[in-house]
Protein backbone atom coordinates (compact mmCIF):
# COMPACT_ATOMS: atom_id res chain seq x y z
CA MET A 1 -10.20 19.01 -5.17
CA GLY A 2 -14.07 21.17 -3.98
CA ASN A 3 -11.25 24.74 -4.66
CA ASN A 4 -11.05 22.93 -8.10
CA PRO A 5 -14.62 21.79 -9.83
CA GLU A 6 -13.45 22.70 -13.55
CA ILE A 7 -10.75 20.75 -13.21
CA LEU A 8 -12.05 17.84 -11.76
CA LYS A 9 -15.48 17.87 -14.07
CA MET A 10 -11.74 17.94 -16.82
CA LEU A 11 -10.15 14.81 -14.87
CA ASN A 12 -13.75 12.88 -14.80
CA ALA A 13 -14.49 13.27 -18.72
CA CYS A 14 -10.89 12.09 -19.20
CA ARG A 15 -10.22 15.45 -20.82
CA PHE A 16 -6.76 15.35 -19.74
CA ASP A 17 -5.39 17.50 -22.05
CA GLU A 18 -7.32 20.41 -20.54
CA ALA A 19 -6.47 19.37 -17.16
CA ILE A 20 -3.11 19.55 -17.70
CA PRO A 21 -2.82 23.51 -18.13
CA ALA A 22 -5.95 23.91 -15.91
CA VAL A 23 -3.85 22.07 -13.35
CA GLU A 24 -0.66 24.03 -14.01
CA LYS A 25 -2.45 27.45 -13.87
CA THR A 26 -3.64 27.05 -10.66
CA PHE A 27 -0.10 25.70 -9.02
CA ARG A 28 1.80 28.26 -10.52
CA ALA A 29 -1.01 30.91 -9.02
CA ALA A 30 -1.20 29.72 -5.55
CA ALA A 31 2.84 29.23 -5.28
CA ALA A 32 2.54 33.06 -6.14
CA GLU A 33 0.67 33.28 -3.16
CA SER A 34 2.70 31.33 -0.30
CA PRO A 35 4.03 27.85 0.49
CA GLU A 36 0.94 27.04 2.18
CA ARG A 37 -1.42 28.30 -0.13
CA LEU A 38 0.55 25.79 -2.97
CA ILE A 39 0.21 22.86 -0.39
CA ASP A 40 -3.40 23.25 0.04
CA ALA A 41 -4.08 23.22 -3.97
CA ALA A 42 -2.12 20.61 -4.47
CA ARG A 43 -3.95 18.10 -1.40
CA GLY A 44 -6.74 18.61 -3.71
CA ILE A 45 -5.41 17.91 -7.00
CA VAL A 46 -3.47 15.39 -5.97
CA GLY A 47 -6.64 13.76 -3.86
CA TRP A 48 -8.01 12.19 -7.55
CA ARG A 49 -6.23 9.50 -8.15
CA GLY A 50 -8.28 8.56 -11.25
CA PHE A 51 -11.34 6.07 -12.46
CA PHE A 52 -10.95 4.08 -15.45
CA LYS A 53 -13.24 1.87 -17.44
CA ASN A 54 -10.51 0.76 -19.15
CA ILE A 55 -6.45 0.30 -19.98
CA ASP A 56 -7.15 2.31 -22.81
CA GLN A 57 -8.11 5.73 -20.76
CA GLU A 58 -4.92 4.95 -17.92
CA ARG A 59 -2.85 4.37 -20.92
CA VAL A 60 -3.55 8.51 -21.96
CA SER A 61 -3.57 9.42 -17.92
CA GLU A 62 0.10 9.06 -17.64
CA THR A 63 0.86 12.40 -19.01
CA TYR A 64 -1.24 13.86 -16.58
CA PHE A 65 -0.10 11.90 -13.46
CA ARG A 66 3.49 12.82 -14.94
CA SER A 67 2.83 16.45 -15.07
CA VAL A 68 1.23 17.04 -12.16
CA TYR A 69 4.35 15.01 -10.38
CA GLN A 70 7.11 16.91 -12.37
CA LEU A 71 4.80 20.25 -11.49
CA LEU A 72 4.73 19.62 -7.87
CA GLN A 73 8.57 19.03 -7.66
CA GLU A 74 9.41 22.05 -9.74
CA LEU A 75 6.93 23.96 -7.21
CA ALA A 76 7.16 22.47 -4.20
CA GLY A 77 10.34 20.55 -3.88
CA PRO A 78 11.80 17.26 -5.27
CA ASP A 79 11.07 15.71 -1.73
CA SER A 80 8.06 17.60 -0.59
CA PRO A 81 4.98 15.34 0.90
CA ALA A 82 3.31 17.09 -1.92
CA ALA A 83 5.32 16.01 -4.66
CA MET A 84 5.70 12.06 -3.17
CA ALA A 85 1.67 12.13 -3.03
CA ALA A 86 1.64 12.77 -6.85
CA GLY A 87 4.92 10.96 -7.82
CA GLU A 88 2.87 7.41 -5.41
CA ASN A 89 -0.36 8.17 -7.67
CA LEU A 90 2.11 8.01 -10.94
CA ALA A 91 3.66 5.22 -9.85
CA GLY A 92 0.09 3.38 -9.85
CA ILE A 93 -0.02 4.23 -12.93
CA LEU A 94 3.06 3.12 -14.70
CA GLY A 95 1.97 -0.46 -12.17
CA ALA A 96 -0.76 -0.44 -14.28
CA LEU A 97 0.67 0.02 -17.63
CA ASP A 98 3.38 -2.74 -17.12
CA GLN A 99 6.23 0.09 -17.00
CA ASN A 100 7.22 -1.79 -13.82
CA GLU A 101 10.90 -0.86 -13.49
CA GLU A 102 10.24 2.83 -13.96
CA ALA A 103 7.26 2.19 -11.22
CA ILE A 104 9.36 0.62 -9.02
CA THR A 105 11.99 3.36 -8.82
CA LEU A 106 9.73 5.57 -8.14
CA ARG A 107 7.85 4.01 -5.38
CA GLU A 108 10.51 3.15 -3.31
CA LYS A 109 11.63 6.46 -3.39
CA VAL A 110 7.58 7.24 -2.12
CA PHE A 111 8.63 4.64 0.53
CA ASP A 112 11.65 6.42 2.01
CA SER A 113 10.06 10.10 2.17
CA VAL A 114 6.72 8.10 3.90
CA SER A 115 9.53 5.57 5.88
CA LYS A 116 11.00 8.67 7.60
CA ARG A 117 7.62 10.91 8.24
CA PHE A 118 5.42 7.92 9.42
CA PRO A 119 5.33 4.83 11.88
CA PRO A 120 5.53 1.93 10.59
CA ASP A 121 1.58 1.22 12.05
CA ASP A 122 0.53 4.60 9.80
CA PRO A 123 -1.96 3.56 7.29
CA ARG A 124 0.11 5.67 4.61
CA TYR A 125 3.41 3.87 5.61
CA MET A 126 1.71 0.41 4.82
CA GLN A 127 -0.48 1.49 1.76
CA VAL A 128 2.95 2.43 0.05
CA ARG A 129 4.97 -0.42 1.76
CA ASP A 130 2.09 -2.96 0.27
CA GLY A 131 2.05 -1.38 -3.73
CA LEU A 132 5.72 -2.07 -3.58
CA VAL A 133 5.15 -5.93 -2.45
CA PHE A 134 3.43 -5.98 -4.86
CA LEU A 135 5.35 -4.12 -7.94
CA TYR A 136 8.47 -6.81 -6.34
CA ARG A 137 6.17 -9.62 -6.77
CA ARG A 138 5.13 -9.02 -10.14
CA ALA A 139 8.81 -8.06 -11.10
CA GLY A 140 9.84 -11.41 -9.62
CA HIS A 141 12.23 -9.70 -7.30
CA GLN A 142 11.29 -11.49 -4.05
CA GLU A 143 14.65 -10.70 -2.68
CA LYS A 144 13.46 -7.13 -2.11
CA VAL A 145 10.23 -8.90 -0.64
CA ALA A 146 12.22 -11.25 1.61
CA ALA A 147 13.77 -7.48 2.68
CA LEU A 148 10.98 -5.55 3.27
CA ASN A 149 9.06 -8.83 5.50
CA ARG A 150 11.85 -8.39 7.78
CA LYS A 151 11.50 -5.10 8.17
CA VAL A 152 7.74 -5.73 9.63
CA ARG A 153 7.62 -5.71 13.46
CA LEU A 154 4.63 -7.03 15.96
CA CYS A 155 3.66 -7.12 19.07
CA GLU A 156 6.10 -9.46 21.17
CA HIS A 157 3.49 -11.93 21.35
CA LEU A 158 3.71 -12.96 17.99
CA ALA A 159 7.04 -11.33 16.94
CA GLY A 160 8.81 -15.11 17.72
CA ALA A 161 5.65 -16.43 14.95
CA LEU A 162 6.60 -13.79 12.20
CA GLN A 163 9.71 -14.97 12.40
CA TYR A 164 9.17 -18.78 12.19
CA ILE A 165 6.47 -18.11 9.84
CA LEU A 166 8.90 -16.37 7.65
CA ASP A 167 12.01 -18.55 8.27
CA GLN A 168 9.92 -21.30 6.88
CA GLY A 169 9.73 -19.14 3.32
CA ALA A 170 6.68 -17.77 3.42
CA GLN A 171 6.13 -14.13 2.22
CA ILE A 172 4.05 -11.60 3.59
CA PHE A 173 1.91 -10.00 0.07
CA SER A 174 -0.06 -7.50 2.33
CA CYS A 175 0.52 -6.08 6.13
CA GLY A 176 -1.87 -3.51 7.03
CA GLN A 177 -5.16 -2.74 9.21
CA ALA A 178 -8.21 -4.88 6.92
CA TRP A 179 -10.62 -4.06 9.62
CA THR A 180 -12.06 -0.72 11.24
CA GLU A 181 -12.14 -2.53 14.76
CA ASN A 182 -9.46 -4.21 16.78
CA CYS A 183 -6.96 -4.36 14.60
CA HIS A 184 -3.31 -2.82 14.50
CA ILE A 185 -1.10 -4.06 11.79
CA TRP A 186 -1.98 -7.33 10.60
CA ALA A 187 -0.07 -9.05 8.50
CA TYR A 188 -1.42 -11.33 5.16
CA PHE A 189 0.69 -14.42 4.62
CA ASP A 190 0.62 -16.96 0.72
CA THR A 191 0.66 -19.94 3.22
CA LEU A 192 -2.12 -21.40 5.09
CA LEU A 193 -1.44 -21.73 8.66
CA ASP A 194 -1.78 -24.44 11.05
CA CYS A 195 -2.46 -22.21 14.51
CA ASP A 196 -3.39 -25.52 16.71
CA GLY A 197 0.25 -26.70 15.88
CA LEU A 198 2.03 -23.23 16.04
CA MET A 199 0.31 -22.04 19.07
CA THR A 200 1.94 -25.57 20.88
CA GLY A 201 4.86 -25.91 19.44
CA LEU A 202 5.86 -22.59 19.62
CA SER A 203 4.35 -22.28 23.47
CA LEU A 204 2.82 -18.46 22.70
CA ASP A 205 1.02 -16.71 25.34
CA PRO A 206 -3.12 -17.61 26.08
CA CYS A 207 -3.43 -13.55 24.45
CA VAL A 208 -2.83 -15.23 21.42
CA GLN A 209 -6.19 -16.33 19.67
CA ILE A 210 -7.22 -18.03 16.62
CA HIS A 211 -9.55 -16.05 14.05
CA ASP A 212 -11.43 -17.59 11.63
CA HIS A 213 -13.60 -16.19 9.04
CA ARG A 214 -15.54 -17.54 6.35
CA GLY A 215 -16.44 -14.16 5.03
CA THR A 216 -18.44 -13.62 1.98
CA HIS A 217 -18.02 -10.78 -0.11
CA GLU A 218 -15.29 -9.69 2.26
CA GLY A 219 -13.20 -12.42 2.34
CA SER A 220 -11.89 -15.79 4.18
CA GLU A 221 -8.56 -15.78 6.66
CA ARG A 222 -7.75 -17.37 9.51
CA GLY A 223 -4.65 -17.37 11.54
CA LEU A 224 -3.52 -15.57 15.09
CA VAL A 225 -4.56 -12.75 16.67
CA CYS A 226 -3.25 -10.67 19.85
CA SER A 227 -5.83 -9.90 21.96
CA VAL A 228 -4.04 -7.42 23.33
CA HIS A 229 -2.44 -5.59 21.43
CA HIS A 230 -4.75 -6.43 17.78
CA ASP A 231 -1.63 -7.75 15.56
CA ALA A 232 -2.68 -10.84 13.56
CA LEU A 233 -0.71 -13.36 11.67
CA MET A 234 -3.16 -14.34 8.73
CA GLY A 235 -3.17 -16.96 6.08
CA PRO A 236 -6.18 -17.78 4.23
CA HIS A 237 -8.84 -20.18 5.02
CA PRO A 238 -8.77 -23.79 4.39
CA SER A 239 -12.05 -23.16 2.87
CA ASP A 240 -10.56 -21.69 0.24
CA ALA A 241 -7.01 -22.67 -0.63
CA GLY A 242 -5.64 -24.56 -3.27
CA PRO A 243 -4.74 -28.10 -3.20
CA GLN A 244 -0.96 -26.87 -3.82
CA THR A 245 -1.08 -23.75 -0.82
CA ARG A 246 1.78 -24.70 1.47
CA THR A 247 1.28 -24.81 5.22
CA ILE A 248 3.07 -24.00 7.78
CA THR A 249 3.09 -25.92 10.80
CA LYS A 250 4.87 -26.17 13.92
CA VAL A 251 5.57 -29.91 15.50
């Protein structure tokens, strides 16, 4: 956005009626120069995802995000990475405004695109996946949540435990790089995990260790981590879980 300081000011001030024609002028001028120049201009503008004080500001922003998406579909191509990035921004706004079905349709398209361009352990893939799971869960599409869960792949030391936990009816609500160090793919479940019981009952390899974190600002968790590949299966910490939270074990 450094090349468009005036547009940035408009967006931060929620002056979307002014920002829309300014963005269109910028995109069309860039596209007239070269596809590369358009991508460069789009990267800066799509990087602004919104900073809103309340739902009213989000609601007003919908027209802006929809305009950016439509412009990039036209100028860069309907399936271009630039259009998909703009589509992901629009899907986030639509989800926040409870326009769930349109948000789901759009995010499914974005997820299909990132699935073809990035491996499952790429942060961009995992971010869109988690966003899609969130929308599915909120809309009650449990079968679609389960289908995405079945696509999660962890290392050979945890793959069997992952399948066992899923078979018990647990759901993954987040899957990504939770920490900056020694963290590859961490799958977070909506159930407590009896780590000792799972390690013994499933005969997990010695490289699988119990991770017990009683955080404050960054949250709490307890689960199993592979010390070789840094994948993990994680649930809430028992000290934080409610009385109705299920526990997955293996006897």
